[in-house]
Amino acid sequence: MNNGLLSDLIPKVKSKPYVLAVEDDKDNLLILKYVIEGLNCTCLDATNGQTAFLLAKKYQPKLILLDILLPDCNGFELIARFKNHRQTRQASIVAVTGLILPEQREQMFQAGCDSYLSKPYLIDDLKTQICHYLNLPKISPYFSFSMFSNPFSSWKIQRS
């Protein structure tokens, strides 16, 4: 059989886009992970800058959600590392941070951030940012928590 024809018949599997979530707070990281996976993306997670950079080089995510205040490095310097490395420079970077002063925001953009979200943020705002940078369809605000599964959805109520 002709391999060219066989390969035409096999459907091409579209891989899930990689999103790197960098956050030192475990609870905040868990929220990011749920939202990312709820949008049918693959979440890579890191709690420090060194791990984040290694993951970014290995997997080359399309989007990096980055907490600026990390325990082991300056987030602004990490952004510069991402933007200056050939394997990571194409990734869009959204700062997810508690830094809210105008001069801090300006510093984020000068370092190379494409956008930012101030903590605390709305889940819908996070989803909008992710969808924008990954070119995903916009999510309806009426389904805000659709990515969270209901553990009771399979239960049947028996009425007597």
N, C-alpha and C. Protein backbone atom coordinates (compact mmCIF):
# COMPACT_ATOMS: atom_id res chain seq x y z
N MET A 1 0.84 -1.18 0.00
CA MET A 1 0.00 0.00 0.00
C MET A 1 0.89 1.24 0.00
N ASN A 2 0.47 2.24 -0.67
CA ASN A 2 1.22 3.49 -0.78
C ASN A 2 1.17 4.25 0.55
N ASN A 3 2.33 4.50 1.13
CA ASN A 3 2.38 5.20 2.41
C ASN A 3 1.83 6.61 2.32
N GLY A 4 1.95 7.23 1.17
CA GLY A 4 1.41 8.57 0.99
C GLY A 4 -0.10 8.58 1.15
N LEU A 5 -0.76 7.58 0.54
CA LEU A 5 -2.21 7.48 0.66
C LEU A 5 -2.64 7.14 2.08
N LEU A 6 -1.93 6.23 2.72
CA LEU A 6 -2.26 5.84 4.08
C LEU A 6 -2.16 7.03 5.03
N SER A 7 -1.13 7.81 4.88
CA SER A 7 -0.98 8.97 5.76
C SER A 7 -2.06 10.01 5.51
N ASP A 8 -2.61 10.05 4.30
CA ASP A 8 -3.70 10.98 4.01
C ASP A 8 -4.99 10.53 4.68
N LEU A 9 -5.16 9.22 4.87
CA LEU A 9 -6.37 8.69 5.48
C LEU A 9 -6.38 8.80 6.99
N ILE A 10 -5.20 8.81 7.60
CA ILE A 10 -5.11 8.90 9.06
C ILE A 10 -5.36 10.35 9.47
N PRO A 11 -6.36 10.57 10.34
CA PRO A 11 -6.65 11.95 10.75
C PRO A 11 -5.48 12.55 11.51
N LYS A 12 -5.24 13.78 11.25
CA LYS A 12 -4.16 14.48 11.95
C LYS A 12 -4.67 14.89 13.33
N VAL A 13 -3.94 14.51 14.34
CA VAL A 13 -4.31 14.84 15.72
C VAL A 13 -3.73 16.19 16.06
N LYS A 14 -4.60 17.10 16.45
CA LYS A 14 -4.13 18.42 16.84
C LYS A 14 -3.74 18.37 18.31
N SER A 15 -2.50 18.72 18.58
CA SER A 15 -2.04 18.67 19.97
C SER A 15 -2.56 19.88 20.74
N LYS A 16 -2.72 19.68 22.02
CA LYS A 16 -3.17 20.76 22.89
C LYS A 16 -2.03 21.76 23.05
N PRO A 17 -2.34 23.05 23.04
CA PRO A 17 -1.27 24.03 23.24
C PRO A 17 -0.74 23.96 24.68
N TYR A 18 0.56 24.17 24.80
CA TYR A 18 1.20 24.21 26.11
C TYR A 18 1.09 25.61 26.70
N VAL A 19 0.72 25.65 27.98
CA VAL A 19 0.71 26.90 28.75
C VAL A 19 1.54 26.64 29.99
N LEU A 20 2.52 27.50 30.22
CA LEU A 20 3.36 27.40 31.41
C LEU A 20 2.83 28.36 32.47
N ALA A 21 2.47 27.81 33.63
CA ALA A 21 2.00 28.61 34.76
C ALA A 21 3.12 28.65 35.80
N VAL A 22 3.58 29.86 36.11
CA VAL A 22 4.68 30.03 37.06
C VAL A 22 4.13 30.81 38.26
N GLU A 23 4.01 30.12 39.38
CA GLU A 23 3.40 30.71 40.57
C GLU A 23 3.93 29.98 41.79
N ASP A 24 4.44 30.72 42.78
CA ASP A 24 4.99 30.08 43.97
C ASP A 24 3.93 29.73 45.01
N ASP A 25 2.76 30.32 44.93
CA ASP A 25 1.67 29.99 45.85
C ASP A 25 0.90 28.79 45.30
N LYS A 26 0.88 27.70 46.05
CA LYS A 26 0.28 26.45 45.57
C LYS A 26 -1.21 26.60 45.25
N ASP A 27 -1.95 27.37 46.06
CA ASP A 27 -3.38 27.55 45.80
C ASP A 27 -3.61 28.32 44.50
N ASN A 28 -2.84 29.39 44.30
CA ASN A 28 -2.96 30.16 43.06
C ASN A 28 -2.57 29.32 41.85
N LEU A 29 -1.54 28.49 42.02
CA LEU A 29 -1.11 27.61 40.94
C LEU A 29 -2.20 26.60 40.58
N LEU A 30 -2.87 26.09 41.59
CA LEU A 30 -3.96 25.14 41.36
C LEU A 30 -5.10 25.78 40.55
N ILE A 31 -5.43 27.02 40.88
CA ILE A 31 -6.47 27.73 40.13
C ILE A 31 -6.05 27.90 38.67
N LEU A 32 -4.81 28.35 38.46
CA LEU A 32 -4.32 28.51 37.09
C LEU A 32 -4.40 27.19 36.34
N LYS A 33 -4.00 26.12 36.99
CA LYS A 33 -4.00 24.81 36.35
C LYS A 33 -5.41 24.38 35.96
N TYR A 34 -6.38 24.55 36.85
CA TYR A 34 -7.76 24.18 36.54
C TYR A 34 -8.30 24.98 35.35
N VAL A 35 -8.01 26.26 35.32
CA VAL A 35 -8.51 27.09 34.21
C VAL A 35 -7.85 26.67 32.90
N ILE A 36 -6.54 26.49 32.91
CA ILE A 36 -5.80 26.10 31.70
C ILE A 36 -6.31 24.76 31.17
N GLU A 37 -6.41 23.78 32.04
CA GLU A 37 -6.87 22.46 31.61
C GLU A 37 -8.34 22.48 31.21
N GLY A 38 -9.12 23.35 31.85
CA GLY A 38 -10.53 23.50 31.49
C GLY A 38 -10.72 24.06 30.10
N LEU A 39 -9.71 24.75 29.60
CA LEU A 39 -9.75 25.29 28.23
C LEU A 39 -9.11 24.32 27.24
N ASN A 40 -8.91 23.08 27.67
CA ASN A 40 -8.36 22.01 26.83
C ASN A 40 -6.93 22.30 26.39
N CYS A 41 -6.15 22.85 27.29
CA CYS A 41 -4.73 23.09 27.04
C CYS A 41 -3.92 22.22 28.00
N THR A 42 -2.66 22.04 27.68
CA THR A 42 -1.77 21.30 28.56
C THR A 42 -1.06 22.29 29.48
N CYS A 43 -1.19 22.08 30.78
CA CYS A 43 -0.57 22.97 31.75
C CYS A 43 0.76 22.41 32.21
N LEU A 44 1.79 23.24 32.06
CA LEU A 44 3.09 22.96 32.65
C LEU A 44 3.17 23.89 33.86
N ASP A 45 3.56 23.40 35.02
CA ASP A 45 3.58 24.30 36.17
C ASP A 45 4.93 24.30 36.85
N ALA A 46 5.27 25.48 37.37
CA ALA A 46 6.53 25.67 38.07
C ALA A 46 6.30 26.62 39.24
N THR A 47 7.03 26.37 40.32
CA THR A 47 6.92 27.23 41.49
C THR A 47 8.13 28.14 41.66
N ASN A 48 9.07 28.07 40.71
CA ASN A 48 10.24 28.94 40.79
C ASN A 48 10.76 29.23 39.38
N GLY A 49 11.61 30.20 39.28
CA GLY A 49 12.11 30.65 38.00
C GLY A 49 13.00 29.65 37.29
N GLN A 50 13.83 28.95 38.03
CA GLN A 50 14.75 27.99 37.41
C GLN A 50 13.97 26.86 36.73
N THR A 51 13.01 26.29 37.42
CA THR A 51 12.18 25.23 36.84
C THR A 51 11.39 25.77 35.65
N ALA A 52 10.86 26.98 35.79
CA ALA A 52 10.08 27.59 34.71
C ALA A 52 10.91 27.71 33.44
N PHE A 53 12.14 28.17 33.57
CA PHE A 53 12.99 28.36 32.39
C PHE A 53 13.32 27.02 31.73
N LEU A 54 13.61 26.01 32.55
CA LEU A 54 13.91 24.68 32.01
C LEU A 54 12.70 24.10 31.28
N LEU A 55 11.51 24.23 31.87
CA LEU A 55 10.29 23.75 31.22
C LEU A 55 10.01 24.50 29.92
N ALA A 56 10.22 25.80 29.94
CA ALA A 56 9.97 26.62 28.75
C ALA A 56 10.91 26.21 27.61
N LYS A 57 12.17 25.97 27.93
CA LYS A 57 13.11 25.54 26.89
C LYS A 57 12.73 24.17 26.33
N LYS A 58 12.31 23.28 27.19
CA LYS A 58 12.01 21.92 26.75
C LYS A 58 10.71 21.84 25.94
N TYR A 59 9.64 22.50 26.41
CA TYR A 59 8.32 22.35 25.80
C TYR A 59 7.90 23.50 24.89
N GLN A 60 8.57 24.63 24.97
CA GLN A 60 8.29 25.81 24.16
C GLN A 60 6.79 26.17 24.15
N PRO A 61 6.27 26.55 25.33
CA PRO A 61 4.84 26.86 25.41
C PRO A 61 4.48 28.08 24.57
N LYS A 62 3.23 28.14 24.15
CA LYS A 62 2.75 29.31 23.40
C LYS A 62 2.48 30.48 24.34
N LEU A 63 2.18 30.17 25.61
CA LEU A 63 1.81 31.19 26.57
C LEU A 63 2.46 30.89 27.92
N ILE A 64 2.95 31.95 28.57
CA ILE A 64 3.50 31.83 29.92
C ILE A 64 2.72 32.78 30.82
N LEU A 65 2.12 32.23 31.87
CA LEU A 65 1.45 33.02 32.90
C LEU A 65 2.42 33.10 34.06
N LEU A 66 2.91 34.30 34.34
CA LEU A 66 4.06 34.46 35.22
C LEU A 66 3.79 35.37 36.41
N ASP A 67 3.95 34.81 37.59
CA ASP A 67 3.97 35.63 38.80
C ASP A 67 5.32 36.34 38.82
N ILE A 68 5.32 37.62 39.03
CA ILE A 68 6.57 38.39 38.99
C ILE A 68 7.40 38.21 40.26
N LEU A 69 6.72 38.04 41.40
CA LEU A 69 7.43 37.91 42.67
C LEU A 69 7.65 36.44 43.01
N LEU A 70 8.80 35.93 42.60
CA LEU A 70 9.15 34.53 42.84
C LEU A 70 10.26 34.44 43.89
N PRO A 71 10.34 33.33 44.61
CA PRO A 71 11.32 33.23 45.70
C PRO A 71 12.78 33.17 45.25
N ASP A 72 13.04 32.63 44.06
CA ASP A 72 14.42 32.40 43.66
C ASP A 72 14.95 33.37 42.61
N CYS A 73 14.10 34.23 42.08
CA CYS A 73 14.59 35.13 41.03
C CYS A 73 13.69 36.35 40.89
N ASN A 74 14.22 37.32 40.21
CA ASN A 74 13.48 38.52 39.88
C ASN A 74 12.66 38.22 38.62
N GLY A 75 11.34 38.37 38.71
CA GLY A 75 10.47 38.07 37.59
C GLY A 75 10.79 38.87 36.34
N PHE A 76 11.24 40.12 36.52
CA PHE A 76 11.59 40.95 35.37
C PHE A 76 12.80 40.37 34.63
N GLU A 77 13.76 39.86 35.38
CA GLU A 77 14.92 39.23 34.76
C GLU A 77 14.53 37.93 34.05
N LEU A 78 13.58 37.19 34.64
CA LEU A 78 13.11 35.96 34.02
C LEU A 78 12.41 36.25 32.69
N ILE A 79 11.63 37.32 32.64
CA ILE A 79 10.99 37.72 31.39
C ILE A 79 12.05 37.98 30.33
N ALA A 80 13.09 38.70 30.70
CA ALA A 80 14.18 38.99 29.76
C ALA A 80 14.84 37.70 29.28
N ARG A 81 15.03 36.74 30.19
CA ARG A 81 15.62 35.45 29.78
C ARG A 81 14.73 34.75 28.76
N PHE A 82 13.41 34.75 29.03
CA PHE A 82 12.48 34.13 28.08
C PHE A 82 12.56 34.82 26.72
N LYS A 83 12.56 36.13 26.72
CA LYS A 83 12.52 36.89 25.46
C LYS A 83 13.85 36.85 24.71
N ASN A 84 14.94 36.58 25.41
CA ASN A 84 16.25 36.55 24.76
C ASN A 84 16.72 35.16 24.34
N HIS A 85 16.00 34.14 24.71
CA HIS A 85 16.42 32.78 24.37
C HIS A 85 15.67 32.31 23.12
N ARG A 86 16.37 31.72 22.19
CA ARG A 86 15.78 31.35 20.91
C ARG A 86 14.63 30.35 21.04
N GLN A 87 14.65 29.49 22.05
CA GLN A 87 13.60 28.49 22.21
C GLN A 87 12.36 29.02 22.93
N THR A 88 12.47 30.17 23.57
CA THR A 88 11.35 30.67 24.37
C THR A 88 10.86 32.04 23.94
N ARG A 89 11.54 32.69 23.03
CA ARG A 89 11.19 34.08 22.70
C ARG A 89 9.84 34.24 22.02
N GLN A 90 9.32 33.18 21.41
CA GLN A 90 8.03 33.28 20.71
C GLN A 90 6.83 33.24 21.65
N ALA A 91 7.04 32.81 22.88
CA ALA A 91 5.93 32.68 23.83
C ALA A 91 5.39 34.06 24.23
N SER A 92 4.09 34.16 24.30
CA SER A 92 3.46 35.35 24.87
C SER A 92 3.56 35.23 26.39
N ILE A 93 3.78 36.36 27.04
CA ILE A 93 3.91 36.35 28.50
C ILE A 93 2.87 37.28 29.11
N VAL A 94 2.07 36.71 30.02
CA VAL A 94 1.10 37.50 30.78
C VAL A 94 1.54 37.46 32.23
N ALA A 95 1.83 38.62 32.78
CA ALA A 95 2.18 38.71 34.20
C ALA A 95 0.89 38.58 35.01
N VAL A 96 0.91 37.66 35.97
CA VAL A 96 -0.22 37.49 36.89
C VAL A 96 0.35 37.84 38.25
N THR A 97 0.07 39.05 38.70
CA THR A 97 0.84 39.58 39.82
C THR A 97 0.03 40.51 40.71
N GLY A 98 0.55 40.71 41.89
CA GLY A 98 -0.03 41.67 42.82
C GLY A 98 0.54 43.07 42.64
N LEU A 99 1.51 43.20 41.76
CA LEU A 99 2.10 44.52 41.49
C LEU A 99 1.10 45.35 40.68
N ILE A 100 0.70 46.50 41.24
CA ILE A 100 -0.36 47.25 40.57
C ILE A 100 -0.01 48.72 40.29
N LEU A 101 1.12 49.19 40.79
CA LEU A 101 1.48 50.58 40.57
C LEU A 101 1.79 50.82 39.09
N PRO A 102 1.45 52.00 38.57
CA PRO A 102 1.69 52.29 37.15
C PRO A 102 3.15 52.08 36.73
N GLU A 103 4.10 52.46 37.58
CA GLU A 103 5.50 52.28 37.21
C GLU A 103 5.90 50.80 37.19
N GLN A 104 5.24 49.98 38.01
CA GLN A 104 5.49 48.54 37.99
C GLN A 104 4.93 47.92 36.70
N ARG A 105 3.75 48.37 36.31
CA ARG A 105 3.16 47.88 35.05
C ARG A 105 4.04 48.25 33.87
N GLU A 106 4.54 49.48 33.88
CA GLU A 106 5.42 49.93 32.80
C GLU A 106 6.69 49.07 32.76
N GLN A 107 7.21 48.75 33.93
CA GLN A 107 8.41 47.91 34.00
C GLN A 107 8.13 46.51 33.43
N MET A 108 6.91 45.97 33.65
CA MET A 108 6.54 44.67 33.10
C MET A 108 6.55 44.71 31.57
N PHE A 109 5.96 45.77 31.02
CA PHE A 109 5.92 45.89 29.56
C PHE A 109 7.31 46.12 28.98
N GLN A 110 8.12 46.92 29.65
CA GLN A 110 9.49 47.14 29.18
C GLN A 110 10.31 45.86 29.21
N ALA A 111 10.04 45.00 30.18
CA ALA A 111 10.76 43.74 30.28
C ALA A 111 10.35 42.76 29.18
N GLY A 112 9.15 42.95 28.63
CA GLY A 112 8.72 42.07 27.53
C GLY A 112 7.38 41.40 27.72
N CYS A 113 6.63 41.75 28.77
CA CYS A 113 5.29 41.17 28.95
C CYS A 113 4.37 41.66 27.85
N ASP A 114 3.49 40.78 27.44
CA ASP A 114 2.49 41.14 26.45
C ASP A 114 1.25 41.71 27.11
N SER A 115 1.01 41.29 28.35
CA SER A 115 -0.16 41.76 29.09
C SER A 115 0.05 41.44 30.57
N TYR A 116 -0.93 41.82 31.39
CA TYR A 116 -0.86 41.49 32.81
C TYR A 116 -2.26 41.36 33.39
N LEU A 117 -2.34 40.63 34.48
CA LEU A 117 -3.55 40.53 35.29
C LEU A 117 -3.15 40.85 36.72
N SER A 118 -3.89 41.73 37.35
CA SER A 118 -3.61 42.07 38.74
C SER A 118 -4.37 41.13 39.66
N LYS A 119 -3.68 40.62 40.66
CA LYS A 119 -4.32 39.79 41.68
C LYS A 119 -5.03 40.70 42.68
N PRO A 120 -6.17 40.31 43.14
CA PRO A 120 -6.96 39.17 42.72
C PRO A 120 -7.63 39.46 41.37
N TYR A 121 -7.76 38.45 40.57
CA TYR A 121 -8.36 38.62 39.24
C TYR A 121 -9.63 37.77 39.15
N LEU A 122 -10.45 38.09 38.17
CA LEU A 122 -11.64 37.29 37.90
C LEU A 122 -11.25 36.13 37.00
N ILE A 123 -11.84 34.98 37.23
CA ILE A 123 -11.57 33.80 36.41
C ILE A 123 -11.87 34.11 34.94
N ASP A 124 -12.95 34.83 34.68
CA ASP A 124 -13.31 35.16 33.30
C ASP A 124 -12.23 36.02 32.63
N ASP A 125 -11.60 36.91 33.39
CA ASP A 125 -10.52 37.73 32.83
C ASP A 125 -9.31 36.86 32.49
N LEU A 126 -9.01 35.90 33.34
CA LEU A 126 -7.91 34.98 33.07
C LEU A 126 -8.21 34.16 31.82
N LYS A 127 -9.43 33.62 31.73
CA LYS A 127 -9.80 32.83 30.56
C LYS A 127 -9.75 33.67 29.28
N THR A 128 -10.17 34.92 29.37
CA THR A 128 -10.13 35.81 28.20
C THR A 128 -8.69 36.00 27.73
N GLN A 129 -7.77 36.21 28.66
CA GLN A 129 -6.36 36.39 28.29
C GLN A 129 -5.81 35.12 27.62
N ILE A 130 -6.09 33.98 28.22
CA ILE A 130 -5.59 32.72 27.66
C ILE A 130 -6.15 32.50 26.26
N CYS A 131 -7.46 32.68 26.11
CA CYS A 131 -8.09 32.49 24.80
C CYS A 131 -7.52 33.45 23.76
N HIS A 132 -7.27 34.68 24.16
CA HIS A 132 -6.72 35.68 23.23
C HIS A 132 -5.34 35.24 22.72
N TYR A 133 -4.45 34.88 23.60
CA TYR A 133 -3.08 34.57 23.20
C TYR A 133 -2.93 33.20 22.54
N LEU A 134 -3.91 32.33 22.73
CA LEU A 134 -3.84 31.02 22.08
C LEU A 134 -4.79 30.91 20.89
N ASN A 135 -5.46 32.02 20.57
CA ASN A 135 -6.43 32.05 19.47
C ASN A 135 -7.51 30.99 19.64
N LEU A 136 -8.01 30.88 20.86
CA LEU A 136 -9.11 29.95 21.15
C LEU A 136 -10.42 30.71 21.02
N PRO A 137 -11.51 30.00 20.78
CA PRO A 137 -12.81 30.69 20.72
C PRO A 137 -13.13 31.37 22.04
N LYS A 138 -13.80 32.49 21.95
CA LYS A 138 -14.17 33.22 23.18
C LYS A 138 -15.16 32.39 23.98
N ILE A 139 -15.01 32.48 25.28
CA ILE A 139 -15.84 31.71 26.19
C ILE A 139 -17.00 32.59 26.66
N SER A 140 -18.19 32.02 26.67
CA SER A 140 -19.35 32.75 27.14
C SER A 140 -19.26 32.98 28.64
N PRO A 141 -19.58 34.19 29.10
CA PRO A 141 -19.53 34.45 30.55
C PRO A 141 -20.57 33.64 31.31
N TYR A 142 -21.56 33.09 30.61
CA TYR A 142 -22.59 32.30 31.29
C TYR A 142 -22.09 30.92 31.69
N PHE A 143 -20.92 30.55 31.18
CA PHE A 143 -20.34 29.26 31.53
C PHE A 143 -19.04 29.45 32.29
N SER A 144 -19.02 30.41 33.19
CA SER A 144 -17.80 30.78 33.90
C SER A 144 -17.10 29.62 34.58
N PHE A 145 -17.85 28.74 35.19
CA PHE A 145 -17.21 27.68 35.94
C PHE A 145 -17.41 26.32 35.28
N SER A 146 -17.62 26.31 33.99
CA SER A 146 -17.86 25.06 33.28
C SER A 146 -16.63 24.16 33.29
N MET A 147 -15.45 24.72 33.55
CA MET A 147 -14.25 23.88 33.54
C MET A 147 -14.13 23.05 34.82
N PHE A 148 -14.90 23.40 35.83
CA PHE A 148 -14.86 22.64 37.06
C PHE A 148 -15.91 21.54 36.99
N SER A 149 -15.51 20.31 37.16
CA SER A 149 -16.47 19.23 37.08
C SER A 149 -17.24 19.15 38.39
N ASN A 150 -18.48 18.77 38.27
CA ASN A 150 -19.33 18.60 39.43
C ASN A 150 -19.24 17.15 39.87
N PRO A 151 -18.67 16.88 41.03
CA PRO A 151 -18.51 15.49 41.46
C PRO A 151 -19.83 14.78 41.70
N PHE A 152 -20.93 15.54 41.80
CA PHE A 152 -22.23 14.95 42.08
C PHE A 152 -23.08 14.79 40.83
N SER A 153 -22.56 15.15 39.67
CA SER A 153 -23.36 15.15 38.45
C SER A 153 -23.83 13.76 38.05
N SER A 154 -23.13 12.73 38.46
CA SER A 154 -23.54 11.37 38.08
C SER A 154 -24.50 10.75 39.10
N TRP A 155 -24.76 11.45 40.21
CA TRP A 155 -25.65 10.91 41.21
C TRP A 155 -27.10 11.03 40.72
N LYS A 156 -27.86 10.02 40.99
CA LYS A 156 -29.28 10.05 40.64
C LYS A 156 -30.08 10.15 41.93
N ILE A 157 -31.02 11.04 41.92
CA ILE A 157 -31.87 11.21 43.10
C ILE A 157 -33.07 10.28 42.94
N GLN A 158 -33.26 9.45 43.92
CA GLN A 158 -34.40 8.53 43.88
C GLN A 158 -35.51 9.13 44.71
N ARG A 159 -36.65 9.19 44.10
CA ARG A 159 -37.81 9.72 44.83
C ARG A 159 -38.74 8.57 45.14
N SER A 160 -39.28 8.61 46.36
CA SER A 160 -40.20 7.53 46.73
C SER A 160 -41.62 7.91 46.48
